[in-house]
Amino acid sequence: MCGVPYFYAKGEADFLCAGLCHAGLASAVISEDMDMLTHGAPILIRGINDNSFRKDKTVTIYRLDNVLTNLKLTMPQFVDMCILCGCDYTESPRGIGTKTAHRLIKSHSDIETLITSDDGKRYDYSNFYYERSRKEFKQSYQETIPPKETLTWTD
C-alpha cells in the first residue's frame, strides 16, 4: 500500500529480519524480542509499541557490538549465555538467571564445558535443549534473501 518492498518469511520472521541485516539490506530490526540480538541483528530498536513512544517519542536502541563489548563476550558466548537464560527454543535450567548465566559463561566459555564442570553439575538440564537452540539461532545466517536488485520501491 505504501510502495515499500516486503517479504513473506518462510518460517520465523526473526530469521528473515536478521538475514536482511546480514545481507546488508537492512541496518536494524524493530522488535520487542531481545532474541533478535542472538540472531545477529546488529541493531535492535525496541519500544515503538510502548506508551513512552506515543507520549514522548522515546525508543531503546541496542547495538550488538556494544552489548558484546560491555559483557566482554564473543558472539558464540553471548548466544550460549542467552540460551542459558532461556529463550524461544528452550527453558532455562532452574536457578540460572541473567547474572548467573553471564558468570557461568565467563568462567566456562560454553555450555558443554559448563555442564561437565563441578559448577555446572548443580543444575538440572532435563528440559534444556541448548543444541537445538543454537541451531535455530544459526538459521538466521542461512536465510535465503532475494538479491538487492530485485527490490523495488513503487509510488
C-alpha atoms as a PDB file:
ATOM      1  CA  MET A   1       0.000   0.000   0.000  1.00  0.00           C
ATOM      2  CA  CYS A   2       2.883   2.389   0.737  1.00  0.00           C
ATOM      3  CA  GLY A   3       5.129   1.160  -2.059  1.00  0.00           C
ATOM      4  CA  VAL A   4       7.607  -0.381   0.382  1.00  0.00           C
ATOM      5  CA  PRO A   5       9.192  -3.730  -0.580  1.00  0.00           C
ATOM      6  CA  TYR A   6       8.150  -6.534   1.735  1.00  0.00           C
ATOM      7  CA  PHE A   7       8.850 -10.215   2.212  1.00  0.00           C
ATOM      8  CA  TYR A   8       6.949 -13.212   3.468  1.00  0.00           C
ATOM      9  CA  ALA A   9       9.104 -15.231   5.843  1.00  0.00           C
ATOM     10  CA  LYS A  10       9.358 -18.956   5.077  1.00  0.00           C
ATOM     11  CA  GLY A  11       9.433 -19.682   8.791  1.00  0.00           C
ATOM     12  CA  GLU A  12      10.009 -17.345  11.677  1.00  0.00           C
ATOM     13  CA  ALA A  13      10.187 -13.665  10.809  1.00  0.00           C
ATOM     14  CA  ASP A  14      13.172 -13.389  13.191  1.00  0.00           C
ATOM     15  CA  PHE A  15      15.284 -15.370  10.717  1.00  0.00           C
ATOM     16  CA  LEU A  16      14.258 -13.151   7.829  1.00  0.00           C
ATOM     17  CA  CYS A  17      14.763  -9.876   9.696  1.00  0.00           C
ATOM     18  CA  ALA A  18      18.226 -10.835  10.920  1.00  0.00           C
ATOM     19  CA  GLY A  19      19.035 -12.288   7.487  1.00  0.00           C
ATOM     20  CA  LEU A  20      18.176  -8.970   5.828  1.00  0.00           C
ATOM     21  CA  CYS A  21      20.710  -7.320   8.135  1.00  0.00           C
ATOM     22  CA  HIS A  22      23.357  -9.969   7.398  1.00  0.00           C
ATOM     23  CA  ALA A  23      22.797  -9.423   3.662  1.00  0.00           C
ATOM     24  CA  GLY A  24      23.218  -5.655   4.034  1.00  0.00           C
ATOM     25  CA  LEU A  25      19.605  -4.946   3.046  1.00  0.00           C
ATOM     26  CA  ALA A  26      18.600  -3.625   6.475  1.00  0.00           C
ATOM     27  CA  SER A  27      20.515  -1.766   9.151  1.00  0.00           C
ATOM     28  CA  ALA A  28      18.332  -2.601  12.129  1.00  0.00           C
ATOM     29  CA  VAL A  29      15.362  -4.623  13.318  1.00  0.00           C
ATOM     30  CA  ILE A  30      12.349  -3.146  15.094  1.00  0.00           C
ATOM     31  CA  SER A  31      11.068  -5.752  17.536  1.00  0.00           C
ATOM     32  CA  GLU A  32      10.222  -6.290  21.176  1.00  0.00           C
ATOM     33  CA  ASP A  33      12.032  -9.660  21.047  1.00  0.00           C
ATOM     34  CA  MET A  34      15.512  -9.486  22.579  1.00  0.00           C
ATOM     35  CA  ASP A  35      16.323 -12.749  20.740  1.00  0.00           C
ATOM     36  CA  MET A  36      16.888 -10.587  17.662  1.00  0.00           C
ATOM     37  CA  LEU A  37      20.355  -9.793  19.061  1.00  0.00           C
ATOM     38  CA  THR A  38      21.042 -13.508  19.475  1.00  0.00           C
ATOM     39  CA  HIS A  39      20.009 -13.971  15.844  1.00  0.00           C
ATOM     40  CA  GLY A  40      22.751 -11.468  14.985  1.00  0.00           C
ATOM     41  CA  ALA A  41      20.763  -8.307  14.241  1.00  0.00           C
ATOM     42  CA  PRO A  42      23.371  -5.526  14.527  1.00  0.00           C
ATOM     43  CA  ILE A  43      20.878  -3.008  15.904  1.00  0.00           C
ATOM     44  CA  LEU A  44      17.640  -3.710  17.760  1.00  0.00           C
ATOM     45  CA  ILE A  45      15.069  -0.951  18.208  1.00  0.00           C
ATOM     46  CA  ARG A  46      12.549  -1.616  20.977  1.00  0.00           C
ATOM     47  CA  GLY A  47       9.664   0.341  22.425  1.00  0.00           C
ATOM     48  CA  ILE A  48       7.805   1.556  19.364  1.00  0.00           C
ATOM     49  CA  ASN A  49       4.654  -0.077  20.717  1.00  0.00           C
ATOM     50  CA  ASP A  50       5.162   1.327  24.231  1.00  0.00           C
ATOM     51  CA  ASN A  51       3.308   4.225  25.784  1.00  0.00           C
ATOM     52  CA  SER A  52       6.637   6.057  26.155  1.00  0.00           C
ATOM     53  CA  PHE A  53       6.935   6.214  22.377  1.00  0.00           C
ATOM     54  CA  ARG A  54       3.425   7.536  21.942  1.00  0.00           C
ATOM     55  CA  LYS A  55       3.948  10.034  24.754  1.00  0.00           C
ATOM     56  CA  ASP A  56       7.467  11.375  24.184  1.00  0.00           C
ATOM     57  CA  LYS A  57       8.763   9.503  21.092  1.00  0.00           C
ATOM     58  CA  THR A  58      11.305   7.526  23.144  1.00  0.00           C
ATOM     59  CA  VAL A  59      12.661   4.153  21.987  1.00  0.00           C
ATOM     60  CA  THR A  60      15.519   1.977  23.217  1.00  0.00           C
ATOM     61  CA  ILE A  61      18.287   1.102  20.778  1.00  0.00           C
ATOM     62  CA  TYR A  62      20.608  -1.852  21.409  1.00  0.00           C
ATOM     63  CA  ARG A  63      23.788  -2.201  19.364  1.00  0.00           C
ATOM     64  CA  LEU A  64      25.036  -5.781  19.283  1.00  0.00           C
ATOM     65  CA  ASP A  65      28.690  -4.706  19.133  1.00  0.00           C
ATOM     66  CA  ASN A  66      28.229  -2.583  22.280  1.00  0.00           C
ATOM     67  CA  VAL A  67      26.418  -5.400  24.077  1.00  0.00           C
ATOM     68  CA  LEU A  68      29.254  -7.834  23.304  1.00  0.00           C
ATOM     69  CA  THR A  69      31.903  -5.293  24.327  1.00  0.00           C
ATOM     70  CA  ASN A  70      30.177  -4.380  27.585  1.00  0.00           C
ATOM     71  CA  LEU A  71      29.576  -8.022  28.518  1.00  0.00           C
ATOM     72  CA  LYS A  72      33.120  -8.948  27.381  1.00  0.00           C
ATOM     73  CA  LEU A  73      31.754 -11.908  25.410  1.00  0.00           C
ATOM     74  CA  THR A  74      32.261 -13.278  21.919  1.00  0.00           C
ATOM     75  CA  MET A  75      29.169 -13.832  19.786  1.00  0.00           C
ATOM     76  CA  PRO A  76      29.151 -17.632  20.439  1.00  0.00           C
ATOM     77  CA  GLN A  77      29.483 -16.956  24.186  1.00  0.00           C
ATOM     78  CA  PHE A  78      26.660 -14.400  24.029  1.00  0.00           C
ATOM     79  CA  VAL A  79      24.426 -16.932  22.281  1.00  0.00           C
ATOM     80  CA  ASP A  80      25.221 -19.531  24.948  1.00  0.00           C
ATOM     81  CA  MET A  81      24.553 -17.003  27.721  1.00  0.00           C
ATOM     82  CA  CYS A  82      21.171 -16.132  26.197  1.00  0.00           C
ATOM     83  CA  ILE A  83      20.298 -19.811  25.804  1.00  0.00           C
ATOM     84  CA  LEU A  84      21.175 -20.364  29.471  1.00  0.00           C
ATOM     85  CA  CYS A  85      18.808 -17.514  30.375  1.00  0.00           C
ATOM     86  CA  GLY A  86      16.009 -19.263  28.483  1.00  0.00           C
ATOM     87  CA  CYS A  87      14.826 -18.372  25.011  1.00  0.00           C
ATOM     88  CA  ASP A  88      12.090 -19.140  22.491  1.00  0.00           C
ATOM     89  CA  TYR A  89      13.543 -22.620  21.939  1.00  0.00           C
ATOM     90  CA  THR A  90      14.281 -23.922  25.447  1.00  0.00           C
ATOM     91  CA  GLU A  91      13.703 -23.342  29.123  1.00  0.00           C
ATOM     92  CA  SER A  92      16.471 -22.082  31.359  1.00  0.00           C
ATOM     93  CA  PRO A  93      17.874 -24.585  33.836  1.00  0.00           C
ATOM     94  CA  ARG A  94      16.264 -23.814  37.193  1.00  0.00           C
ATOM     95  CA  GLY A  95      18.359 -21.400  39.249  1.00  0.00           C
ATOM     96  CA  ILE A  96      20.088 -19.743  36.301  1.00  0.00           C
ATOM     97  CA  GLY A  97      19.171 -16.124  35.658  1.00  0.00           C
ATOM     98  CA  THR A  98      20.912 -13.399  33.706  1.00  0.00           C
ATOM     99  CA  LYS A  99      23.739 -12.664  36.171  1.00  0.00           C
ATOM    100  CA  THR A 100      24.415 -16.334  36.840  1.00  0.00           C
ATOM    101  CA  ALA A 101      24.381 -17.183  33.126  1.00  0.00           C
ATOM    102  CA  HIS A 102      26.884 -14.395  32.428  1.00  0.00           C
ATOM    103  CA  ARG A 103      29.174 -15.520  35.268  1.00  0.00           C
ATOM    104  CA  LEU A 104      28.993 -19.172  34.190  1.00  0.00           C
ATOM    105  CA  ILE A 105      29.794 -18.442  30.532  1.00  0.00           C
ATOM    106  CA  LYS A 106      32.635 -16.090  31.524  1.00  0.00           C
ATOM    107  CA  SER A 107      34.036 -18.893  33.707  1.00  0.00           C
ATOM    108  CA  HIS A 108      33.462 -21.842  31.372  1.00  0.00           C
ATOM    109  CA  SER A 109      33.323 -20.291  27.846  1.00  0.00           C
ATOM    110  CA  ASP A 110      30.499 -22.507  26.570  1.00  0.00           C
ATOM    111  CA  ILE A 111      27.593 -24.661  27.679  1.00  0.00           C
ATOM    112  CA  GLU A 112      29.357 -28.010  27.079  1.00  0.00           C
ATOM    113  CA  THR A 113      32.245 -27.052  29.363  1.00  0.00           C
ATOM    114  CA  LEU A 114      29.818 -25.717  31.966  1.00  0.00           C
ATOM    115  CA  ILE A 115      27.673 -28.858  32.047  1.00  0.00           C
ATOM    116  CA  THR A 116      30.672 -31.114  32.661  1.00  0.00           C
ATOM    117  CA  SER A 117      32.185 -28.839  35.322  1.00  0.00           C
ATOM    118  CA  ASP A 118      31.629 -29.145  39.068  1.00  0.00           C
ATOM    119  CA  ASP A 119      29.956 -25.721  38.889  1.00  0.00           C
ATOM    120  CA  GLY A 120      27.519 -26.955  36.233  1.00  0.00           C
ATOM    121  CA  LYS A 121      26.594 -30.213  37.938  1.00  0.00           C
ATOM    122  CA  ARG A 122      24.431 -28.229  40.382  1.00  0.00           C
ATOM    123  CA  TYR A 123      21.747 -27.596  37.730  1.00  0.00           C
ATOM    124  CA  ASP A 124      19.015 -29.757  36.212  1.00  0.00           C
ATOM    125  CA  TYR A 125      19.263 -29.869  32.396  1.00  0.00           C
ATOM    126  CA  SER A 126      16.320 -32.209  31.758  1.00  0.00           C
ATOM    127  CA  ASN A 127      14.285 -29.580  29.815  1.00  0.00           C
ATOM    128  CA  PHE A 128      17.296 -27.712  28.463  1.00  0.00           C
ATOM    129  CA  TYR A 129      17.727 -28.088  24.704  1.00  0.00           C
ATOM    130  CA  TYR A 130      20.766 -25.918  24.050  1.00  0.00           C
ATOM    131  CA  GLU A 131      21.924 -27.701  20.878  1.00  0.00           C
ATOM    132  CA  ARG A 132      18.518 -27.204  19.224  1.00  0.00           C
ATOM    133  CA  SER A 133      18.527 -23.579  20.357  1.00  0.00           C
ATOM    134  CA  ARG A 134      21.949 -22.911  18.825  1.00  0.00           C
ATOM    135  CA  LYS A 135      20.777 -24.484  15.574  1.00  0.00           C
ATOM    136  CA  GLU A 136      17.722 -22.202  15.492  1.00  0.00           C
ATOM    137  CA  PHE A 137      19.821 -19.069  16.038  1.00  0.00           C
ATOM    138  CA  LYS A 138      22.231 -20.100  13.265  1.00  0.00           C
ATOM    139  CA  GLN A 139      19.349 -20.382  10.774  1.00  0.00           C
ATOM    140  CA  SER A 140      19.264 -16.585  10.578  1.00  0.00           C
ATOM    141  CA  TYR A 141      22.597 -16.722   8.813  1.00  0.00           C
ATOM    142  CA  GLN A 142      21.253 -19.254   6.315  1.00  0.00           C
ATOM    143  CA  GLU A 143      18.019 -17.461   5.378  1.00  0.00           C
ATOM    144  CA  THR A 144      17.667 -17.054   1.629  1.00  0.00           C
ATOM    145  CA  ILE A 145      17.421 -13.342   0.882  1.00  0.00           C
ATOM    146  CA  PRO A 146      16.457 -12.040  -2.558  1.00  0.00           C
ATOM    147  CA  PRO A 147      19.177 -10.069  -4.374  1.00  0.00           C
ATOM    148  CA  LYS A 148      19.151  -6.327  -3.714  1.00  0.00           C
ATOM    149  CA  GLU A 149      18.490  -5.617  -7.415  1.00  0.00           C
ATOM    150  CA  THR A 150      15.095  -7.321  -7.181  1.00  0.00           C
ATOM    151  CA  LEU A 151      13.859  -4.915  -4.511  1.00  0.00           C
ATOM    152  CA  THR A 152      11.922  -2.078  -5.999  1.00  0.00           C
ATOM    153  CA  TRP A 153      10.113   0.831  -4.411  1.00  0.00           C
ATOM    154  CA  THR A 154       6.910   1.940  -6.067  1.00  0.00           C
ATOM    155  CA  ASP A 155       4.789   5.087  -5.818  1.00  0.00           C
END
